[in-house]
All heavy atoms as atom14 arrays in JSON, in Angstrom:
{
  "sequence": "PLGEVPVTGEQSVESSMVASRRVDLMPYYDLSKPGRYTVTATVKLKQ",
  "atom14_mask": [
    [1, 1, 1, 1, 1, 1, 1, 0, 0, 0, 0, 0, 0, 0],
    [1, 1, 1, 1, 1, 1, 1, 1, 0, 0, 0, 0, 0, 0],
    [1, 1, 1, 1, 0, 0, 0, 0, 0, 0, 0, 0, 0, 0],
    [1, 1, 1, 1, 1, 1, 1, 1, 1, 0, 0, 0, 0, 0],
    [1, 1, 1, 1, 1, 1, 1, 0, 0, 0, 0, 0, 0, 0],
    [1, 1, 1, 1, 1, 1, 1, 0, 0, 0, 0, 0, 0, 0],
    [1, 1, 1, 1, 1, 1, 1, 0, 0, 0, 0, 0, 0, 0],
    [1, 1, 1, 1, 1, 1, 1, 0, 0, 0, 0, 0, 0, 0],
    [1, 1, 1, 1, 0, 0, 0, 0, 0, 0, 0, 0, 0, 0],
    [1, 1, 1, 1, 1, 1, 1, 1, 1, 0, 0, 0, 0, 0],
    [1, 1, 1, 1, 1, 1, 1, 1, 1, 0, 0, 0, 0, 0],
    [1, 1, 1, 1, 1, 1, 0, 0, 0, 0, 0, 0, 0, 0],
    [1, 1, 1, 1, 1, 1, 1, 0, 0, 0, 0, 0, 0, 0],
    [1, 1, 1, 1, 1, 1, 1, 1, 1, 0, 0, 0, 0, 0],
    [1, 1, 1, 1, 1, 1, 0, 0, 0, 0, 0, 0, 0, 0],
    [1, 1, 1, 1, 1, 1, 0, 0, 0, 0, 0, 0, 0, 0],
    [1, 1, 1, 1, 1, 1, 1, 1, 0, 0, 0, 0, 0, 0],
    [1, 1, 1, 1, 1, 1, 1, 0, 0, 0, 0, 0, 0, 0],
    [1, 1, 1, 1, 1, 0, 0, 0, 0, 0, 0, 0, 0, 0],
    [1, 1, 1, 1, 1, 1, 0, 0, 0, 0, 0, 0, 0, 0],
    [1, 1, 1, 1, 1, 1, 1, 1, 1, 1, 1, 0, 0, 0],
    [1, 1, 1, 1, 1, 1, 1, 1, 1, 1, 1, 0, 0, 0],
    [1, 1, 1, 1, 1, 1, 1, 0, 0, 0, 0, 0, 0, 0],
    [1, 1, 1, 1, 1, 1, 1, 1, 0, 0, 0, 0, 0, 0],
    [1, 1, 1, 1, 1, 1, 1, 1, 0, 0, 0, 0, 0, 0],
    [1, 1, 1, 1, 1, 1, 1, 1, 0, 0, 0, 0, 0, 0],
    [1, 1, 1, 1, 1, 1, 1, 0, 0, 0, 0, 0, 0, 0],
    [1, 1, 1, 1, 1, 1, 1, 1, 1, 1, 1, 1, 0, 0],
    [1, 1, 1, 1, 1, 1, 1, 1, 1, 1, 1, 1, 0, 0],
    [1, 1, 1, 1, 1, 1, 1, 1, 0, 0, 0, 0, 0, 0],
    [1, 1, 1, 1, 1, 1, 1, 1, 0, 0, 0, 0, 0, 0],
    [1, 1, 1, 1, 1, 1, 0, 0, 0, 0, 0, 0, 0, 0],
    [1, 1, 1, 1, 1, 1, 1, 1, 1, 0, 0, 0, 0, 0],
    [1, 1, 1, 1, 1, 1, 1, 0, 0, 0, 0, 0, 0, 0],
    [1, 1, 1, 1, 0, 0, 0, 0, 0, 0, 0, 0, 0, 0],
    [1, 1, 1, 1, 1, 1, 1, 1, 1, 1, 1, 0, 0, 0],
    [1, 1, 1, 1, 1, 1, 1, 1, 1, 1, 1, 1, 0, 0],
    [1, 1, 1, 1, 1, 1, 1, 0, 0, 0, 0, 0, 0, 0],
    [1, 1, 1, 1, 1, 1, 1, 0, 0, 0, 0, 0, 0, 0],
    [1, 1, 1, 1, 1, 1, 1, 0, 0, 0, 0, 0, 0, 0],
    [1, 1, 1, 1, 1, 0, 0, 0, 0, 0, 0, 0, 0, 0],
    [1, 1, 1, 1, 1, 1, 1, 0, 0, 0, 0, 0, 0, 0],
    [1, 1, 1, 1, 1, 1, 1, 0, 0, 0, 0, 0, 0, 0],
    [1, 1, 1, 1, 1, 1, 1, 1, 1, 0, 0, 0, 0, 0],
    [1, 1, 1, 1, 1, 1, 1, 1, 0, 0, 0, 0, 0, 0],
    [1, 1, 1, 1, 1, 1, 1, 1, 1, 0, 0, 0, 0, 0],
    [1, 1, 1, 1, 1, 1, 1, 1, 1, 0, 0, 0, 0, 0]
  ],
  "atom14_positions": [
    [[1.78, -16.08, 18.84], [1.8, -14.64, 19.13], [1.99, -14.4, 20.62], [1.53, -15.17, 21.45], [0.42, -14.16, 18.66], [-0.44, -15.37, 18.65], [0.46, -16.56, 18.46], [0.0, 0.0, 0.0], [0.0, 0.0, 0.0], [0.0, 0.0, 0.0], [0.0, 0.0, 0.0], [0.0, 0.0, 0.0], [0.0, 0.0, 0.0], [0.0, 0.0, 0.0]],
    [[2.7, -13.35, 20.94], [2.91, -12.95, 22.33], [1.94, -11.84, 22.72], [1.76, -11.55, 23.89], [4.35, -12.46, 22.53], [5.44, -13.46, 22.17], [6.8, -12.8, 22.24], [5.37, -14.67, 23.07], [0.0, 0.0, 0.0], [0.0, 0.0, 0.0], [0.0, 0.0, 0.0], [0.0, 0.0, 0.0], [0.0, 0.0, 0.0], [0.0, 0.0, 0.0]],
    [[1.35, -11.22, 21.73], [0.4, -10.13, 21.94], [-0.16, -9.71, 20.6], [0.26, -10.2, 19.55], [0.0, 0.0, 0.0], [0.0, 0.0, 0.0], [0.0, 0.0, 0.0], [0.0, 0.0, 0.0], [0.0, 0.0, 0.0], [0.0, 0.0, 0.0], [0.0, 0.0, 0.0], [0.0, 0.0, 0.0], [0.0, 0.0, 0.0], [0.0, 0.0, 0.0]],
    [[-1.12, -8.81, 20.63], [-1.75, -8.33, 19.4], [-0.91, -7.21, 18.79], [-0.52, -6.27, 19.48], [-3.15, -7.82, 19.7], [-3.94, -7.53, 18.45], [-5.4, -7.22, 18.75], [-5.94, -7.8, 19.7], [-5.97, -6.38, 18.04], [0.0, 0.0, 0.0], [0.0, 0.0, 0.0], [0.0, 0.0, 0.0], [0.0, 0.0, 0.0], [0.0, 0.0, 0.0]],
    [[-0.65, -7.31, 17.49], [0.12, -6.28, 16.78], [-0.74, -5.03, 16.67], [-1.85, -5.07, 16.16], [0.52, -6.77, 15.37], [1.32, -5.71, 14.64], [1.31, -8.07, 15.46], [0.0, 0.0, 0.0], [0.0, 0.0, 0.0], [0.0, 0.0, 0.0], [0.0, 0.0, 0.0], [0.0, 0.0, 0.0], [0.0, 0.0, 0.0], [0.0, 0.0, 0.0]],
    [[-0.23, -3.88, 17.16], [-1.03, -2.65, 17.17], [-1.02, -1.93, 15.82], [-0.33, -0.93, 15.63], [-0.36, -1.81, 18.25], [1.07, -2.23, 18.18], [1.05, -3.69, 17.84], [0.0, 0.0, 0.0], [0.0, 0.0, 0.0], [0.0, 0.0, 0.0], [0.0, 0.0, 0.0], [0.0, 0.0, 0.0], [0.0, 0.0, 0.0], [0.0, 0.0, 0.0]],
    [[-1.79, -2.46, 14.87], [-1.94, -1.79, 13.58], [-3.25, -1.02, 13.65], [-4.31, -1.62, 13.8], [-1.96, -2.81, 12.42], [-2.15, -2.1, 11.1], [-0.7, -3.64, 12.42], [0.0, 0.0, 0.0], [0.0, 0.0, 0.0], [0.0, 0.0, 0.0], [0.0, 0.0, 0.0], [0.0, 0.0, 0.0], [0.0, 0.0, 0.0], [0.0, 0.0, 0.0]],
    [[-3.17, 0.3, 13.56], [-4.38, 1.11, 13.73], [-4.81, 1.71, 12.4], [-3.99, 1.97, 11.52], [-4.14, 2.24, 14.74], [-3.04, 3.02, 14.28], [-3.84, 1.69, 16.11], [0.0, 0.0, 0.0], [0.0, 0.0, 0.0], [0.0, 0.0, 0.0], [0.0, 0.0, 0.0], [0.0, 0.0, 0.0], [0.0, 0.0, 0.0], [0.0, 0.0, 0.0]],
    [[-6.09, 1.9, 12.28], [-6.65, 2.55, 11.11], [-6.74, 1.65, 9.9], [-5.97, 0.72, 9.73], [0.0, 0.0, 0.0], [0.0, 0.0, 0.0], [0.0, 0.0, 0.0], [0.0, 0.0, 0.0], [0.0, 0.0, 0.0], [0.0, 0.0, 0.0], [0.0, 0.0, 0.0], [0.0, 0.0, 0.0], [0.0, 0.0, 0.0], [0.0, 0.0, 0.0]],
    [[-7.7, 1.94, 9.07], [-7.87, 1.22, 7.82], [-6.98, 1.83, 6.76], [-6.6, 2.99, 6.85], [-9.32, 1.28, 7.35], [-10.27, 0.52, 8.24], [-11.7, 0.54, 7.69], [-11.92, 1.11, 6.61], [-12.57, 0.0, 8.37], [0.0, 0.0, 0.0], [0.0, 0.0, 0.0], [0.0, 0.0, 0.0], [0.0, 0.0, 0.0], [0.0, 0.0, 0.0]],
    [[-6.68, 1.05, 5.76], [-5.92, 1.55, 4.62], [-6.72, 1.23, 3.37], [-6.91, 0.07, 3.04], [-4.54, 0.9, 4.56], [-3.66, 1.47, 3.49], [-2.23, 0.97, 3.63], [-1.91, 0.19, 4.5], [-1.37, 1.42, 2.75], [0.0, 0.0, 0.0], [0.0, 0.0, 0.0], [0.0, 0.0, 0.0], [0.0, 0.0, 0.0], [0.0, 0.0, 0.0]],
    [[-7.2, 2.25, 2.71], [-8.0, 2.05, 1.5], [-7.11, 2.13, 0.27], [-6.24, 2.99, 0.18], [-9.09, 3.12, 1.4], [-9.99, 3.01, 2.47], [0.0, 0.0, 0.0], [0.0, 0.0, 0.0], [0.0, 0.0, 0.0], [0.0, 0.0, 0.0], [0.0, 0.0, 0.0], [0.0, 0.0, 0.0], [0.0, 0.0, 0.0], [0.0, 0.0, 0.0]],
    [[-7.35, 1.21, -0.66], [-6.57, 1.16, -1.89], [-7.55, 1.03, -3.04], [-8.41, 0.15, -3.05], [-5.61, -0.06, -1.89], [-4.8, -0.09, -3.15], [-4.72, -0.03, -0.67], [0.0, 0.0, 0.0], [0.0, 0.0, 0.0], [0.0, 0.0, 0.0], [0.0, 0.0, 0.0], [0.0, 0.0, 0.0], [0.0, 0.0, 0.0], [0.0, 0.0, 0.0]],
    [[-7.44, 1.92, -3.99], [-8.3, 1.88, -5.17], [-7.89, 0.74, -6.1], [-6.77, 0.24, -6.03], [-8.24, 3.21, -5.92], [-8.76, 4.4, -5.11], [-10.22, 4.27, -4.75], [-11.02, 3.79, -5.58], [-10.58, 4.65, -3.63], [0.0, 0.0, 0.0], [0.0, 0.0, 0.0], [0.0, 0.0, 0.0], [0.0, 0.0, 0.0], [0.0, 0.0, 0.0]],
    [[-8.78, 0.36, -6.98], [-8.52, -0.71, -7.94], [-7.25, -0.43, -8.73], [-6.99, 0.71, -9.12], [-9.71, -0.82, -8.9], [-9.48, -1.82, -9.84], [0.0, 0.0, 0.0], [0.0, 0.0, 0.0], [0.0, 0.0, 0.0], [0.0, 0.0, 0.0], [0.0, 0.0, 0.0], [0.0, 0.0, 0.0], [0.0, 0.0, 0.0], [0.0, 0.0, 0.0]],
    [[-6.46, -1.45, -8.93], [-5.19, -1.44, -9.68], [-4.07, -0.66, -8.99], [-3.04, -0.42, -9.59], [-5.38, -0.93, -11.12], [-5.52, 0.47, -11.15], [0.0, 0.0, 0.0], [0.0, 0.0, 0.0], [0.0, 0.0, 0.0], [0.0, 0.0, 0.0], [0.0, 0.0, 0.0], [0.0, 0.0, 0.0], [0.0, 0.0, 0.0], [0.0, 0.0, 0.0]],
    [[-4.25, -0.28, -7.72], [-3.21, 0.42, -6.98], [-2.54, -0.57, -6.02], [-3.08, -1.61, -5.7], [-3.79, 1.6, -6.21], [-4.33, 2.69, -7.13], [-4.79, 4.15, -6.22], [-3.19, 4.79, -5.82], [0.0, 0.0, 0.0], [0.0, 0.0, 0.0], [0.0, 0.0, 0.0], [0.0, 0.0, 0.0], [0.0, 0.0, 0.0], [0.0, 0.0, 0.0]],
    [[-1.34, -0.21, -5.56], [-0.56, -1.03, -4.63], [-0.31, -0.23, -3.36], [-0.09, 0.97, -3.43], [0.79, -1.43, -5.28], [1.64, -2.2, -4.3], [0.56, -2.22, -6.56], [0.0, 0.0, 0.0], [0.0, 0.0, 0.0], [0.0, 0.0, 0.0], [0.0, 0.0, 0.0], [0.0, 0.0, 0.0], [0.0, 0.0, 0.0], [0.0, 0.0, 0.0]],
    [[-0.34, -0.92, -2.22], [-0.05, -0.26, -0.95], [0.77, -1.2, -0.08], [0.78, -2.4, -0.28], [-1.36, 0.11, -0.25], [0.0, 0.0, 0.0], [0.0, 0.0, 0.0], [0.0, 0.0, 0.0], [0.0, 0.0, 0.0], [0.0, 0.0, 0.0], [0.0, 0.0, 0.0], [0.0, 0.0, 0.0], [0.0, 0.0, 0.0], [0.0, 0.0, 0.0]],
    [[1.46, -0.61, 0.88], [2.21, -1.43, 1.84], [2.14, -0.76, 3.2], [1.87, 0.44, 3.31], [3.66, -1.6, 1.39], [4.31, -0.36, 1.37], [0.0, 0.0, 0.0], [0.0, 0.0, 0.0], [0.0, 0.0, 0.0], [0.0, 0.0, 0.0], [0.0, 0.0, 0.0], [0.0, 0.0, 0.0], [0.0, 0.0, 0.0], [0.0, 0.0, 0.0]],
    [[2.39, -1.55, 4.23], [2.42, -1.04, 5.59], [3.52, -1.8, 6.33], [3.57, -3.01, 6.29], [1.08, -1.27, 6.26], [1.04, -0.69, 7.67], [-0.3, -0.79, 8.26], [-1.13, 0.24, 7.66], [-2.3, 0.59, 8.14], [-2.78, 0.0, 9.19], [-3.0, 1.52, 7.55], [0.0, 0.0, 0.0], [0.0, 0.0, 0.0], [0.0, 0.0, 0.0]],
    [[4.41, -1.07, 6.97], [5.51, -1.69, 7.72], [5.11, -1.82, 9.18], [4.6, -0.87, 9.77], [6.77, -0.85, 7.6], [7.34, -0.87, 6.22], [8.62, -0.05, 6.19], [9.13, 0.03, 4.84], [10.05, -0.8, 4.35], [10.54, -1.75, 5.09], [10.47, -0.65, 3.12], [0.0, 0.0, 0.0], [0.0, 0.0, 0.0], [0.0, 0.0, 0.0]],
    [[5.38, -3.01, 9.73], [5.06, -3.28, 11.12], [6.21, -4.09, 11.73], [6.68, -5.04, 11.11], [3.74, -4.09, 11.23], [3.41, -4.41, 12.67], [2.6, -3.35, 10.57], [0.0, 0.0, 0.0], [0.0, 0.0, 0.0], [0.0, 0.0, 0.0], [0.0, 0.0, 0.0], [0.0, 0.0, 0.0], [0.0, 0.0, 0.0], [0.0, 0.0, 0.0]],
    [[6.65, -3.75, 12.93], [7.67, -4.5, 13.64], [7.0, -5.66, 14.37], [6.27, -5.46, 15.34], [8.4, -3.59, 14.62], [9.52, -4.3, 15.36], [9.86, -5.45, 15.0], [10.06, -3.7, 16.3], [0.0, 0.0, 0.0], [0.0, 0.0, 0.0], [0.0, 0.0, 0.0], [0.0, 0.0, 0.0], [0.0, 0.0, 0.0], [0.0, 0.0, 0.0]],
    [[7.25, -6.89, 13.92], [6.6, -8.07, 14.5], [7.36, -8.67, 15.69], [6.79, -9.45, 16.45], [6.43, -9.14, 13.43], [5.59, -8.74, 12.22], [5.58, -9.85, 11.2], [4.18, -8.38, 12.64], [0.0, 0.0, 0.0], [0.0, 0.0, 0.0], [0.0, 0.0, 0.0], [0.0, 0.0, 0.0], [0.0, 0.0, 0.0], [0.0, 0.0, 0.0]],
    [[8.63, -8.32, 15.85], [9.46, -8.93, 16.89], [8.87, -8.85, 18.3], [8.89, -9.83, 19.02], [10.87, -8.33, 16.89], [11.74, -8.82, 15.77], [12.1, -10.59, 15.86], [13.2, -10.63, 17.26], [0.0, 0.0, 0.0], [0.0, 0.0, 0.0], [0.0, 0.0, 0.0], [0.0, 0.0, 0.0], [0.0, 0.0, 0.0], [0.0, 0.0, 0.0]],
    [[8.31, -7.71, 18.73], [7.76, -7.66, 20.1], [6.49, -8.49, 20.28], [6.07, -8.74, 21.4], [7.45, -6.18, 20.31], [8.18, -5.45, 19.25], [8.32, -6.4, 18.1], [0.0, 0.0, 0.0], [0.0, 0.0, 0.0], [0.0, 0.0, 0.0], [0.0, 0.0, 0.0], [0.0, 0.0, 0.0], [0.0, 0.0, 0.0], [0.0, 0.0, 0.0]],
    [[5.86, -8.94, 19.2], [4.54, -9.55, 19.28], [4.52, -11.02, 18.88], [3.48, -11.67, 18.96], [3.56, -8.76, 18.42], [3.59, -7.31, 18.81], [4.26, -6.38, 18.03], [2.99, -6.87, 19.98], [4.33, -5.04, 18.41], [3.05, -5.55, 20.36], [3.73, -4.64, 19.57], [3.79, -3.34, 19.96], [0.0, 0.0, 0.0], [0.0, 0.0, 0.0]],
    [[5.66, -11.57, 18.42], [5.77, -12.98, 18.06], [7.1, -13.51, 18.56], [8.1, -12.81, 18.59], [5.69, -13.17, 16.53], [4.29, -13.04, 16.01], [3.76, -11.8, 15.69], [3.48, -14.15, 15.88], [2.47, -11.67, 15.23], [2.18, -14.03, 15.41], [1.68, -12.79, 15.1], [0.39, -12.68, 14.65], [0.0, 0.0, 0.0], [0.0, 0.0, 0.0]],
    [[7.12, -14.8, 18.93], [8.35, -15.43, 19.39], [9.2, -15.86, 18.2], [9.11, -16.98, 17.72], [8.01, -16.64, 20.27], [9.25, -17.31, 20.84], [10.35, -16.7, 20.76], [9.14, -18.44, 21.34], [0.0, 0.0, 0.0], [0.0, 0.0, 0.0], [0.0, 0.0, 0.0], [0.0, 0.0, 0.0], [0.0, 0.0, 0.0], [0.0, 0.0, 0.0]],
    [[10.02, -14.93, 17.71], [10.88, -15.18, 16.55], [12.33, -15.39, 17.0], [13.26, -15.05, 16.28], [10.78, -14.01, 15.57], [9.39, -13.76, 14.99], [9.34, -12.46, 14.23], [8.97, -14.92, 14.11], [0.0, 0.0, 0.0], [0.0, 0.0, 0.0], [0.0, 0.0, 0.0], [0.0, 0.0, 0.0], [0.0, 0.0, 0.0], [0.0, 0.0, 0.0]],
    [[12.5, -16.0, 18.18], [13.84, -16.19, 18.72], [14.61, -17.31, 18.03], [15.84, -17.36, 18.1], [13.75, -16.48, 20.22], [12.94, -17.63, 20.46], [0.0, 0.0, 0.0], [0.0, 0.0, 0.0], [0.0, 0.0, 0.0], [0.0, 0.0, 0.0], [0.0, 0.0, 0.0], [0.0, 0.0, 0.0], [0.0, 0.0, 0.0], [0.0, 0.0, 0.0]],
    [[13.92, -18.21, 17.38], [14.57, -19.31, 16.67], [15.08, -18.82, 15.32], [14.31, -18.26, 14.53], [13.55, -20.43, 16.45], [14.03, -21.79, 16.8], [12.92, -22.79, 16.66], [13.51, -24.08, 16.15], [12.5, -25.11, 15.99], [0.0, 0.0, 0.0], [0.0, 0.0, 0.0], [0.0, 0.0, 0.0], [0.0, 0.0, 0.0], [0.0, 0.0, 0.0]],
    [[16.36, -19.01, 15.0], [16.86, -18.57, 13.69], [16.23, -19.39, 12.57], [15.91, -20.56, 12.76], [18.36, -18.81, 13.76], [18.65, -19.52, 15.03], [17.4, -19.59, 15.82], [0.0, 0.0, 0.0], [0.0, 0.0, 0.0], [0.0, 0.0, 0.0], [0.0, 0.0, 0.0], [0.0, 0.0, 0.0], [0.0, 0.0, 0.0], [0.0, 0.0, 0.0]],
    [[16.05, -18.76, 11.44], [15.48, -19.47, 10.29], [14.69, -18.55, 9.4], [14.64, -17.34, 9.59], [0.0, 0.0, 0.0], [0.0, 0.0, 0.0], [0.0, 0.0, 0.0], [0.0, 0.0, 0.0], [0.0, 0.0, 0.0], [0.0, 0.0, 0.0], [0.0, 0.0, 0.0], [0.0, 0.0, 0.0], [0.0, 0.0, 0.0], [0.0, 0.0, 0.0]],
    [[14.04, -19.15, 8.43], [13.19, -18.41, 7.5], [11.73, -18.6, 7.88], [11.33, -19.69, 8.27], [13.42, -18.87, 6.07], [14.8, -18.53, 5.58], [14.98, -19.06, 4.17], [16.3, -18.69, 3.7], [16.5, -17.9, 2.67], [15.48, -17.42, 1.98], [17.71, -17.59, 2.29], [0.0, 0.0, 0.0], [0.0, 0.0, 0.0], [0.0, 0.0, 0.0]],
    [[10.97, -17.55, 7.72], [9.56, -17.56, 8.08], [8.71, -17.05, 6.92], [9.17, -16.24, 6.12], [9.31, -16.67, 9.3], [10.0, -17.12, 10.55], [11.28, -16.69, 10.86], [9.37, -17.99, 11.42], [11.91, -17.11, 12.02], [10.0, -18.41, 12.59], [11.27, -17.97, 12.87], [11.89, -18.38, 14.02], [0.0, 0.0, 0.0], [0.0, 0.0, 0.0]],
    [[7.47, -17.5, 6.89], [6.49, -16.98, 5.94], [5.42, -16.25, 6.74], [4.84, -16.82, 7.67], [5.83, -18.12, 5.14], [6.84, -18.81, 4.4], [4.8, -17.59, 4.15], [0.0, 0.0, 0.0], [0.0, 0.0, 0.0], [0.0, 0.0, 0.0], [0.0, 0.0, 0.0], [0.0, 0.0, 0.0], [0.0, 0.0, 0.0], [0.0, 0.0, 0.0]],
    [[5.18, -14.99, 6.38], [4.17, -14.17, 7.05], [2.97, -14.05, 6.12], [3.12, -13.68, 4.96], [4.73, -12.77, 7.39], [3.66, -11.91, 8.04], [5.95, -12.89, 8.29], [0.0, 0.0, 0.0], [0.0, 0.0, 0.0], [0.0, 0.0, 0.0], [0.0, 0.0, 0.0], [0.0, 0.0, 0.0], [0.0, 0.0, 0.0], [0.0, 0.0, 0.0]],
    [[1.79, -14.37, 6.64], [0.56, -14.27, 5.86], [-0.41, -13.33, 6.57], [-0.71, -13.54, 7.75], [-0.1, -15.65, 5.69], [0.83, -16.54, 5.08], [-1.34, -15.56, 4.8], [0.0, 0.0, 0.0], [0.0, 0.0, 0.0], [0.0, 0.0, 0.0], [0.0, 0.0, 0.0], [0.0, 0.0, 0.0], [0.0, 0.0, 0.0], [0.0, 0.0, 0.0]],
    [[-0.85, -12.31, 5.87], [-1.83, -11.36, 6.41], [-3.14, -11.54, 5.65], [-3.14, -11.83, 4.46], [-1.33, -9.94, 6.26], [0.0, 0.0, 0.0], [0.0, 0.0, 0.0], [0.0, 0.0, 0.0], [0.0, 0.0, 0.0], [0.0, 0.0, 0.0], [0.0, 0.0, 0.0], [0.0, 0.0, 0.0], [0.0, 0.0, 0.0], [0.0, 0.0, 0.0]],
    [[-4.24, -11.39, 6.34], [-5.55, -11.49, 5.7], [-6.01, -10.1, 5.28], [-6.03, -9.17, 6.08], [-6.58, -12.11, 6.66], [-6.11, -13.42, 7.02], [-7.94, -12.23, 6.01], [0.0, 0.0, 0.0], [0.0, 0.0, 0.0], [0.0, 0.0, 0.0], [0.0, 0.0, 0.0], [0.0, 0.0, 0.0], [0.0, 0.0, 0.0], [0.0, 0.0, 0.0]],
    [[-6.35, -9.98, 4.0], [-6.82, -8.72, 3.44], [-8.34, -8.78, 3.37], [-8.91, -9.73, 2.84], [-6.23, -8.51, 2.02], [-6.78, -7.24, 1.4], [-4.71, -8.49, 2.08], [0.0, 0.0, 0.0], [0.0, 0.0, 0.0], [0.0, 0.0, 0.0], [0.0, 0.0, 0.0], [0.0, 0.0, 0.0], [0.0, 0.0, 0.0], [0.0, 0.0, 0.0]],
    [[-8.99, -7.76, 3.93], [-10.45, -7.71, 3.92], [-10.92, -6.85, 2.76], [-10.53, -5.68, 2.65], [-10.98, -7.13, 5.23], [-12.48, -7.18, 5.34], [-12.97, -6.54, 6.61], [-12.63, -7.4, 7.79], [-13.21, -6.87, 9.05], [0.0, 0.0, 0.0], [0.0, 0.0, 0.0], [0.0, 0.0, 0.0], [0.0, 0.0, 0.0], [0.0, 0.0, 0.0]],
    [[-11.7, -7.45, 1.87], [-12.26, -6.72, 0.73], [-13.72, -6.4, 1.05], [-14.61, -7.22, 0.89], [-12.15, -7.55, -0.55], [-10.73, -7.95, -0.94], [-10.73, -8.89, -2.12], [-9.9, -6.72, -1.24], [0.0, 0.0, 0.0], [0.0, 0.0, 0.0], [0.0, 0.0, 0.0], [0.0, 0.0, 0.0], [0.0, 0.0, 0.0], [0.0, 0.0, 0.0]],
    [[-13.92, -5.2, 1.54], [-15.22, -4.78, 2.05], [-16.32, -4.89, 0.99], [-17.38, -5.43, 1.26], [-15.09, -3.34, 2.54], [-16.29, -2.79, 3.22], [-15.91, -1.44, 3.82], [-17.03, -0.5, 3.96], [-16.6, 0.8, 4.45], [0.0, 0.0, 0.0], [0.0, 0.0, 0.0], [0.0, 0.0, 0.0], [0.0, 0.0, 0.0], [0.0, 0.0, 0.0]],
    [[-16.05, -4.42, -0.22], [-17.08, -4.41, -1.26], [-17.42, -5.81, -1.75], [-18.51, -6.07, -2.22], [-16.65, -3.52, -2.42], [-16.59, -2.06, -2.01], [-15.88, -1.2, -3.03], [-14.96, -1.66, -3.68], [-16.31, 0.04, -3.15], [0.0, 0.0, 0.0], [0.0, 0.0, 0.0], [0.0, 0.0, 0.0], [0.0, 0.0, 0.0], [0.0, 0.0, 0.0]]
  ]
}
């Protein structure tokens, strides 16, 4: 990472619902090398 991705606010999703959030990662990660990447985000389940 080159810096912290500025994702603000929580996103609540009820059971059996789907949600998405778009974020531009290019300014915050060194993705200058051509190729395929796998992005993994950690989902926090509060309850």
